[in-house]
């Protein structure tokens, strides 16, 4: 997206016959890209109006090997923040912990052999307490039962 924007600016920045358009093009700021090839730009309103006017007069050139099919305004994009819950379900936390332990074990197999560590029940309980301090810690029995249910659901596997 950024390369496409830079190519667009380079194609249109040297229009000495229209200094206001030249200034407008140079003042554009890249705001993002929607794939496959929609550029989002921002700038002062007076400069954006000049760009729109140049578009309506067919005075904008596309980047090499592209075409400009339309130019438009986007108004009133609203975002609503999604609140997070104050808890993490135990099965979700356990799957994340096992994934983290397994990933770190795969990164250093020799260290794993030396420490004889892995996703044991003790390691899972330790990591649960460390990673989810705000969560009321479940009993070892509840964790063991939850791990059994996750194995039944084939979400985790016991490898010995």
C-alpha atoms as a PDB file:
ATOM      1  CA  UNK A   1       0.000   0.000   0.000  1.00  0.00           C
ATOM      2  CA  UNK A   2       2.711   2.470   0.941  1.00  0.00           C
ATOM      3  CA  UNK A   3       4.673   1.783  -2.257  1.00  0.00           C
ATOM      4  CA  UNK A   4       1.513   2.301  -4.322  1.00  0.00           C
ATOM      5  CA  UNK A   5       0.902   5.608  -2.514  1.00  0.00           C
ATOM      6  CA  UNK A   6       4.480   6.745  -3.130  1.00  0.00           C
ATOM      7  CA  UNK A   7       4.159   5.844  -6.824  1.00  0.00           C
ATOM      8  CA  UNK A   8       0.908   7.840  -7.019  1.00  0.00           C
ATOM      9  CA  UNK A   9       2.564  10.877  -5.422  1.00  0.00           C
ATOM     10  CA  UNK A  10       5.587  10.596  -7.749  1.00  0.00           C
ATOM     11  CA  UNK A  11       3.334  10.484 -10.816  1.00  0.00           C
ATOM     12  CA  UNK A  12       1.451  13.625  -9.774  1.00  0.00           C
ATOM     13  CA  UNK A  13       3.880  15.777  -7.775  1.00  0.00           C
ATOM     14  CA  UNK A  14       5.507  17.534 -10.725  1.00  0.00           C
ATOM     15  CA  UNK A  15       2.684  19.613 -12.158  1.00  0.00           C
ATOM     16  CA  UNK A  16       4.352  23.041 -12.298  1.00  0.00           C
ATOM     17  CA  UNK A  17       1.443  24.460 -14.272  1.00  0.00           C
ATOM     18  CA  UNK A  18      -0.798  23.997 -11.214  1.00  0.00           C
ATOM     19  CA  UNK A  19       1.170  24.904  -8.076  1.00  0.00           C
ATOM     20  CA  UNK A  20      -1.845  24.347  -5.810  1.00  0.00           C
ATOM     21  CA  UNK A  21      -2.247  20.765  -7.085  1.00  0.00           C
ATOM     22  CA  UNK A  22       1.496  20.237  -6.734  1.00  0.00           C
ATOM     23  CA  UNK A  23       1.358  21.427  -3.114  1.00  0.00           C
ATOM     24  CA  UNK A  24      -1.743  19.317  -2.464  1.00  0.00           C
ATOM     25  CA  UNK A  25      -0.132  16.145  -3.791  1.00  0.00           C
ATOM     26  CA  UNK A  26       3.021  16.735  -1.753  1.00  0.00           C
ATOM     27  CA  UNK A  27       0.978  17.312   1.416  1.00  0.00           C
ATOM     28  CA  UNK A  28      -0.982  14.045   1.192  1.00  0.00           C
ATOM     29  CA  UNK A  29      -0.361  11.583   3.980  1.00  0.00           C
ATOM     30  CA  UNK A  30      -0.704   7.840   3.635  1.00  0.00           C
ATOM     31  CA  UNK A  31      -3.422   6.522   5.972  1.00  0.00           C
ATOM     32  CA  UNK A  32      -3.649   2.908   4.875  1.00  0.00           C
ATOM     33  CA  UNK A  33      -4.611   0.504   2.154  1.00  0.00           C
ATOM     34  CA  UNK A  34      -7.532  -1.818   1.601  1.00  0.00           C
ATOM     35  CA  UNK A  35      -6.503  -4.701  -0.586  1.00  0.00           C
ATOM     36  CA  UNK A  36      -6.364  -5.283  -3.419  1.00  0.00           C
ATOM     37  CA  UNK A  37      -5.656  -1.633  -4.298  1.00  0.00           C
ATOM     38  CA  UNK A  38      -7.643   1.011  -2.450  1.00  0.00           C
ATOM     39  CA  UNK A  39      -5.528   3.770  -0.975  1.00  0.00           C
ATOM     40  CA  UNK A  40      -6.626   5.724   2.076  1.00  0.00           C
ATOM     41  CA  UNK A  41      -5.081   9.178   2.273  1.00  0.00           C
ATOM     42  CA  UNK A  42      -5.510  12.139   4.546  1.00  0.00           C
ATOM     43  CA  UNK A  43      -4.542  15.779   4.553  1.00  0.00           C
ATOM     44  CA  UNK A  44      -5.890  19.258   5.082  1.00  0.00           C
ATOM     45  CA  UNK A  45      -9.354  19.684   3.677  1.00  0.00           C
ATOM     46  CA  UNK A  46      -8.320  22.401   1.218  1.00  0.00           C
ATOM     47  CA  UNK A  47      -5.705  20.069  -0.281  1.00  0.00           C
ATOM     48  CA  UNK A  48      -8.130  17.133  -0.429  1.00  0.00           C
ATOM     49  CA  UNK A  49     -10.626  19.381  -2.248  1.00  0.00           C
ATOM     50  CA  UNK A  50      -7.914  20.198  -4.797  1.00  0.00           C
ATOM     51  CA  UNK A  51      -7.247  16.478  -5.310  1.00  0.00           C
ATOM     52  CA  UNK A  52     -10.969  15.838  -5.824  1.00  0.00           C
ATOM     53  CA  UNK A  53     -11.157  18.721  -8.277  1.00  0.00           C
ATOM     54  CA  UNK A  54      -8.164  17.354 -10.210  1.00  0.00           C
ATOM     55  CA  UNK A  55      -9.880  13.956 -10.330  1.00  0.00           C
ATOM     56  CA  UNK A  56     -13.074  15.482 -11.703  1.00  0.00           C
ATOM     57  CA  UNK A  57     -11.044  17.229 -14.419  1.00  0.00           C
ATOM     58  CA  UNK A  58      -9.203  13.952 -15.226  1.00  0.00           C
ATOM     59  CA  UNK A  59      -5.920  15.572 -14.204  1.00  0.00           C
ATOM     60  CA  UNK A  60      -4.680  12.851 -11.848  1.00  0.00           C
ATOM     61  CA  UNK A  61      -2.332  10.222 -13.223  1.00  0.00           C
ATOM     62  CA  UNK A  62      -2.278   6.704 -11.827  1.00  0.00           C
ATOM     63  CA  UNK A  63       0.908   4.945 -10.764  1.00  0.00           C
ATOM     64  CA  UNK A  64       2.585   2.900 -13.505  1.00  0.00           C
ATOM     65  CA  UNK A  65       0.587  -0.238 -14.402  1.00  0.00           C
ATOM     66  CA  UNK A  66      -2.450   0.916 -12.392  1.00  0.00           C
ATOM     67  CA  UNK A  67      -5.599   2.806 -13.169  1.00  0.00           C
ATOM     68  CA  UNK A  68      -7.654   5.106 -10.970  1.00  0.00           C
ATOM     69  CA  UNK A  69     -11.242   3.875 -11.105  1.00  0.00           C
ATOM     70  CA  UNK A  70     -12.756   6.205  -8.535  1.00  0.00           C
ATOM     71  CA  UNK A  71     -12.018   8.785  -5.873  1.00  0.00           C
ATOM     72  CA  UNK A  72     -14.349   9.270  -2.944  1.00  0.00           C
ATOM     73  CA  UNK A  73     -14.848  10.679   0.510  1.00  0.00           C
ATOM     74  CA  UNK A  74     -15.362   8.557   3.578  1.00  0.00           C
ATOM     75  CA  UNK A  75     -17.246  10.248   6.386  1.00  0.00           C
ATOM     76  CA  UNK A  76     -18.201   9.090   9.792  1.00  0.00           C
ATOM     77  CA  UNK A  77     -16.367   5.831  10.200  1.00  0.00           C
ATOM     78  CA  UNK A  78     -17.156   4.897  13.743  1.00  0.00           C
ATOM     79  CA  UNK A  79     -15.454   2.373  15.908  1.00  0.00           C
ATOM     80  CA  UNK A  80     -16.965   0.941  19.019  1.00  0.00           C
ATOM     81  CA  UNK A  81     -14.501  -0.377  21.559  1.00  0.00           C
ATOM     82  CA  UNK A  82     -15.213  -3.969  22.565  1.00  0.00           C
ATOM     83  CA  UNK A  83     -14.855  -4.414  26.310  1.00  0.00           C
ATOM     84  CA  UNK A  84     -12.962  -7.413  27.629  1.00  0.00           C
ATOM     85  CA  UNK A  85     -14.405  -9.693  30.254  1.00  0.00           C
ATOM     86  CA  UNK A  86     -12.758  -9.792  33.646  1.00  0.00           C
ATOM     87  CA  UNK A  87     -12.030 -13.498  33.410  1.00  0.00           C
ATOM     88  CA  UNK A  88     -10.555 -16.097  31.118  1.00  0.00           C
ATOM     89  CA  UNK A  89     -12.316 -19.465  30.905  1.00  0.00           C
ATOM     90  CA  UNK A  90     -10.157 -22.185  32.452  1.00  0.00           C
ATOM     91  CA  UNK A  91     -10.081 -24.381  29.296  1.00  0.00           C
ATOM     92  CA  UNK A  92      -8.898 -21.382  27.241  1.00  0.00           C
ATOM     93  CA  UNK A  93      -6.216 -20.536  29.796  1.00  0.00           C
ATOM     94  CA  UNK A  94      -4.997 -24.136  29.938  1.00  0.00           C
ATOM     95  CA  UNK A  95      -4.784 -24.461  26.154  1.00  0.00           C
ATOM     96  CA  UNK A  96      -2.797 -21.219  25.975  1.00  0.00           C
ATOM     97  CA  UNK A  97      -0.447 -22.340  28.740  1.00  0.00           C
ATOM     98  CA  UNK A  98       0.154 -25.736  27.119  1.00  0.00           C
ATOM     99  CA  UNK A  99       0.786 -24.035  23.791  1.00  0.00           C
ATOM    100  CA  UNK A 100       3.301 -21.659  25.402  1.00  0.00           C
ATOM    101  CA  UNK A 101       5.108 -24.462  27.220  1.00  0.00           C
ATOM    102  CA  UNK A 102       5.209 -26.608  24.078  1.00  0.00           C
ATOM    103  CA  UNK A 103       6.434 -23.720  21.928  1.00  0.00           C
ATOM    104  CA  UNK A 104       9.239 -22.881  24.331  1.00  0.00           C
ATOM    105  CA  UNK A 105      10.148 -26.586  24.546  1.00  0.00           C
ATOM    106  CA  UNK A 106      10.360 -26.816  20.756  1.00  0.00           C
ATOM    107  CA  UNK A 107      12.661 -23.790  20.656  1.00  0.00           C
ATOM    108  CA  UNK A 108      15.254 -25.452  22.829  1.00  0.00           C
ATOM    109  CA  UNK A 109      14.998 -29.250  22.849  1.00  0.00           C
ATOM    110  CA  UNK A 110      18.361 -29.630  24.624  1.00  0.00           C
ATOM    111  CA  UNK A 111      17.232 -27.386  27.470  1.00  0.00           C
ATOM    112  CA  UNK A 112      14.010 -29.397  27.737  1.00  0.00           C
ATOM    113  CA  UNK A 113      15.967 -32.643  28.059  1.00  0.00           C
ATOM    114  CA  UNK A 114      18.291 -31.139  30.682  1.00  0.00           C
ATOM    115  CA  UNK A 115      15.451 -29.781  32.782  1.00  0.00           C
ATOM    116  CA  UNK A 116      13.180 -32.783  32.157  1.00  0.00           C
ATOM    117  CA  UNK A 117      10.419 -30.213  31.890  1.00  0.00           C
ATOM    118  CA  UNK A 118       7.347 -30.021  29.721  1.00  0.00           C
ATOM    119  CA  UNK A 119       3.643 -29.514  30.041  1.00  0.00           C
ATOM    120  CA  UNK A 120       3.371 -31.552  33.233  1.00  0.00           C
ATOM    121  CA  UNK A 121       0.551 -30.892  35.666  1.00  0.00           C
ATOM    122  CA  UNK A 122       2.978 -29.102  38.007  1.00  0.00           C
ATOM    123  CA  UNK A 123       4.334 -26.920  35.193  1.00  0.00           C
ATOM    124  CA  UNK A 124       0.783 -26.085  34.084  1.00  0.00           C
ATOM    125  CA  UNK A 125      -0.279 -25.172  37.629  1.00  0.00           C
ATOM    126  CA  UNK A 126       2.822 -22.991  38.086  1.00  0.00           C
ATOM    127  CA  UNK A 127       2.259 -21.204  34.782  1.00  0.00           C
ATOM    128  CA  UNK A 128      -1.463 -20.787  35.562  1.00  0.00           C
ATOM    129  CA  UNK A 129      -0.640 -19.053  38.816  1.00  0.00           C
ATOM    130  CA  UNK A 130       2.068 -16.941  37.161  1.00  0.00           C
ATOM    131  CA  UNK A 131       0.089 -15.911  34.070  1.00  0.00           C
ATOM    132  CA  UNK A 132      -3.370 -15.454  35.584  1.00  0.00           C
ATOM    133  CA  UNK A 133      -2.700 -13.855  38.959  1.00  0.00           C
ATOM    134  CA  UNK A 134      -6.015 -12.014  39.017  1.00  0.00           C
ATOM    135  CA  UNK A 135      -7.900 -15.254  38.446  1.00  0.00           C
ATOM    136  CA  UNK A 136      -8.977 -17.281  41.468  1.00  0.00           C
ATOM    137  CA  UNK A 137      -6.741 -20.317  41.252  1.00  0.00           C
ATOM    138  CA  UNK A 138      -8.657 -23.554  40.733  1.00  0.00           C
ATOM    139  CA  UNK A 139      -7.797 -26.672  42.688  1.00  0.00           C
ATOM    140  CA  UNK A 140      -5.439 -29.253  41.228  1.00  0.00           C
ATOM    141  CA  UNK A 141      -8.415 -31.618  40.901  1.00  0.00           C
ATOM    142  CA  UNK A 142     -10.411 -29.136  38.789  1.00  0.00           C
ATOM    143  CA  UNK A 143      -7.408 -28.486  36.534  1.00  0.00           C
ATOM    144  CA  UNK A 144      -6.877 -32.257  36.159  1.00  0.00           C
ATOM    145  CA  UNK A 145     -10.567 -32.785  35.232  1.00  0.00           C
ATOM    146  CA  UNK A 146     -10.486 -29.873  32.784  1.00  0.00           C
ATOM    147  CA  UNK A 147      -7.374 -31.298  31.131  1.00  0.00           C
ATOM    148  CA  UNK A 148      -9.186 -34.658  30.845  1.00  0.00           C
ATOM    149  CA  UNK A 149     -12.163 -32.971  29.168  1.00  0.00           C
ATOM    150  CA  UNK A 150      -9.858 -31.128  26.756  1.00  0.00           C
ATOM    151  CA  UNK A 151      -8.282 -34.476  25.829  1.00  0.00           C
ATOM    152  CA  UNK A 152     -11.734 -36.011  25.273  1.00  0.00           C
ATOM    153  CA  UNK A 153     -12.597 -33.076  23.013  1.00  0.00           C
ATOM    154  CA  UNK A 154      -9.280 -33.675  21.213  1.00  0.00           C
ATOM    155  CA  UNK A 155      -8.125 -30.115  21.853  1.00  0.00           C
ATOM    156  CA  UNK A 156      -4.989 -31.314  23.597  1.00  0.00           C
ATOM    157  CA  UNK A 157      -3.136 -34.623  23.498  1.00  0.00           C
ATOM    158  CA  UNK A 158      -1.213 -36.467  26.175  1.00  0.00           C
ATOM    159  CA  UNK A 159       2.139 -37.517  24.817  1.00  0.00           C
ATOM    160  CA  UNK A 160       3.568 -39.002  27.969  1.00  0.00           C
END
